[in-house]
Protein backbone atom coordinates (compact mmCIF):
# COMPACT_ATOMS: atom_id res chain seq x y z
CA MET A 1 20.92 -26.47 44.22
CA LYS A 2 20.64 -29.13 46.89
CA SER A 3 20.20 -28.60 50.62
CA PHE A 4 21.74 -30.87 53.23
CA ARG A 5 21.80 -30.99 57.01
CA VAL A 6 25.26 -31.94 58.26
CA THR A 7 26.02 -32.80 61.90
CA VAL A 8 29.60 -32.34 63.11
CA ASN A 9 30.49 -33.04 66.75
CA GLY A 10 26.83 -32.90 67.73
CA LYS A 11 26.14 -29.52 66.04
CA SER A 12 23.80 -29.31 63.03
CA TYR A 13 24.52 -27.15 60.00
CA ASP A 14 22.17 -26.47 57.07
CA VAL A 15 24.26 -26.42 53.89
CA THR A 16 23.14 -25.50 50.37
CA VAL A 17 25.33 -26.82 47.56
CA GLU A 18 25.26 -25.67 43.96
CA GLU A 19 26.60 -28.01 41.29
CA MET A 20 29.24 -26.15 39.32
CA GLY A 21 29.51 -26.93 35.62
CA SER A 22 31.99 -25.60 33.05
CA GLU A 23 29.43 -23.00 31.86
CA SER A 24 28.62 -21.67 35.33
CA THR A 25 30.47 -18.57 36.53
CA SER A 26 28.39 -17.63 39.59
CA PRO A 27 30.08 -17.83 43.00
CA ALA A 28 29.24 -20.68 45.37
CA PRO A 29 26.42 -19.88 47.82
CA ALA A 30 27.16 -19.10 51.46
CA VAL A 31 26.71 -21.74 54.13
CA LYS A 32 23.77 -21.17 56.47
CA GLN A 33 24.69 -22.35 59.96
CA GLU A 34 22.03 -23.45 62.39
CA ASN A 35 24.61 -23.26 65.20
CA PRO A 36 27.04 -20.46 64.28
CA ALA A 37 29.88 -21.64 66.57
CA PRO A 38 32.72 -23.11 64.49
CA ALA A 39 33.22 -26.83 64.95
CA PRO A 40 36.74 -28.26 65.16
CA ALA A 41 37.64 -30.93 62.64
CA PRO A 42 37.11 -34.39 64.16
CA LYS A 43 40.23 -36.45 64.75
CA PRO A 44 40.17 -39.77 62.89
CA GLN A 45 40.25 -42.71 65.26
CA ALA A 46 40.75 -46.31 64.29
CA PRO A 47 38.24 -48.62 66.00
CA PRO A 48 39.74 -51.50 67.96
CA GLU A 49 38.32 -54.05 65.51
CA ALA A 50 40.57 -52.55 62.80
CA LYS A 51 43.66 -53.98 64.51
CA PRO A 52 45.12 -57.10 62.93
CA GLN A 53 44.46 -60.38 64.75
CA ASP A 54 48.16 -61.20 65.00
CA ALA A 55 49.08 -57.89 66.64
CA PRO A 56 52.12 -58.28 68.87
CA ALA A 57 51.51 -58.32 72.58
CA GLN A 58 52.02 -54.91 74.11
CA GLY A 59 53.96 -54.57 77.30
CA GLY A 60 56.32 -57.53 76.90
CA GLY A 61 54.44 -60.72 77.77
CA GLU A 62 51.74 -58.99 79.79
CA GLY A 63 49.02 -59.77 77.22
CA LYS A 64 47.37 -57.82 74.44
CA LYS A 65 45.80 -54.57 75.54
CA VAL A 66 42.39 -53.24 74.48
CA PRO A 67 42.42 -49.42 74.74
CA ALA A 68 39.42 -47.08 74.74
CA PRO A 69 38.81 -45.89 71.16
CA MET A 70 37.12 -42.69 72.42
CA PRO A 71 36.32 -40.90 75.67
CA GLY A 72 33.13 -42.00 77.39
CA VAL A 73 31.48 -43.76 80.31
CA VAL A 74 31.45 -47.54 80.78
CA LEU A 75 27.79 -48.62 80.83
CA ASP A 76 28.24 -52.38 81.00
CA ILE A 77 31.03 -54.96 81.06
CA LYS A 78 30.04 -58.12 79.17
CA VAL A 79 33.02 -60.33 80.18
CA SER A 80 34.73 -61.43 83.38
CA LYS A 81 38.34 -62.18 84.25
CA GLY A 82 39.21 -65.66 82.96
CA ASP A 83 36.54 -65.69 80.21
CA LYS A 84 37.56 -66.97 76.80
CA VAL A 85 36.76 -64.41 74.08
CA SER A 86 36.85 -64.57 70.32
CA GLU A 87 37.68 -61.85 67.82
CA GLY A 88 34.67 -59.58 67.33
CA GLN A 89 32.98 -60.57 70.60
CA THR A 90 31.54 -57.63 72.59
CA LEU A 91 33.66 -56.89 75.66
CA LEU A 92 31.86 -53.85 77.03
CA VAL A 93 29.48 -51.01 76.20
CA LEU A 94 30.85 -47.46 76.21
CA GLU A 95 28.59 -44.41 76.10
CA ALA A 96 30.07 -41.54 74.11
CA MET A 97 28.16 -38.47 72.90
CA LYS A 98 24.85 -40.02 74.07
CA MET A 99 25.43 -43.12 71.93
CA GLU A 100 26.07 -46.65 73.15
CA ASN A 101 29.16 -48.15 71.47
CA GLU A 102 29.93 -51.86 71.72
CA ILE A 103 33.68 -52.35 72.14
CA SER A 104 34.67 -55.64 70.51
CA SER A 105 37.69 -57.83 71.06
CA PRO A 106 40.29 -57.30 68.33
CA PHE A 107 41.67 -60.81 68.91
CA THR A 108 40.91 -64.24 70.39
CA GLY A 109 42.18 -65.16 73.85
CA THR A 110 41.41 -65.22 77.57
CA VAL A 111 40.54 -62.13 79.62
CA LYS A 112 43.58 -61.64 81.85
CA ASP A 113 42.48 -58.42 83.57
CA ILE A 114 39.71 -55.81 83.51
CA HIS A 115 41.13 -52.38 84.29
CA ILE A 116 37.87 -50.41 84.51
CA SER A 117 34.54 -50.75 86.29
CA LYS A 118 30.93 -50.04 85.38
CA GLY A 119 30.26 -46.29 85.55
CA ALA A 120 33.92 -45.33 85.10
CA SER A 121 34.85 -42.43 82.83
CA VAL A 122 37.61 -43.20 80.35
CA ASN A 123 39.67 -41.17 77.91
CA THR A 124 40.92 -42.18 74.48
CA GLU A 125 43.67 -44.84 74.74
CA ASP A 126 42.93 -45.61 78.43
CA LEU A 127 43.49 -49.32 79.09
CA LEU A 128 40.20 -51.21 79.32
CA ILE A 129 40.97 -54.93 79.19
CA THR A 130 44.04 -57.16 78.83
CA ILE A 131 43.68 -60.39 76.85
CA GLU A 132 46.29 -63.17 76.69
């Protein structure tokens, strides 16, 4: 048997796993929960850097939009309107679940508009920055 500590949505669970072979007929052991509240399954979210570089402009000629990949609070904005940015360059820092997440540009271009400010709370898919 092996013991693992698994963290899901900020809650820790102690899990004991028994390797089942063809000769084993004993039932699997119960899961010991450190926090007994059930945790919902996390929703998979694609990070902005997973978008292809040649993604079509959203909004019909208004530039390419960089949405928030998760809810959080904007800690710092690393670019200004008019700055030239390259793919992978950090645009801003977003705090989510007590972790600082660097939000990178999914494409190369010029910052057309910044739609948020430092300290702002954002939800998933909220518009952060427009790049043309």
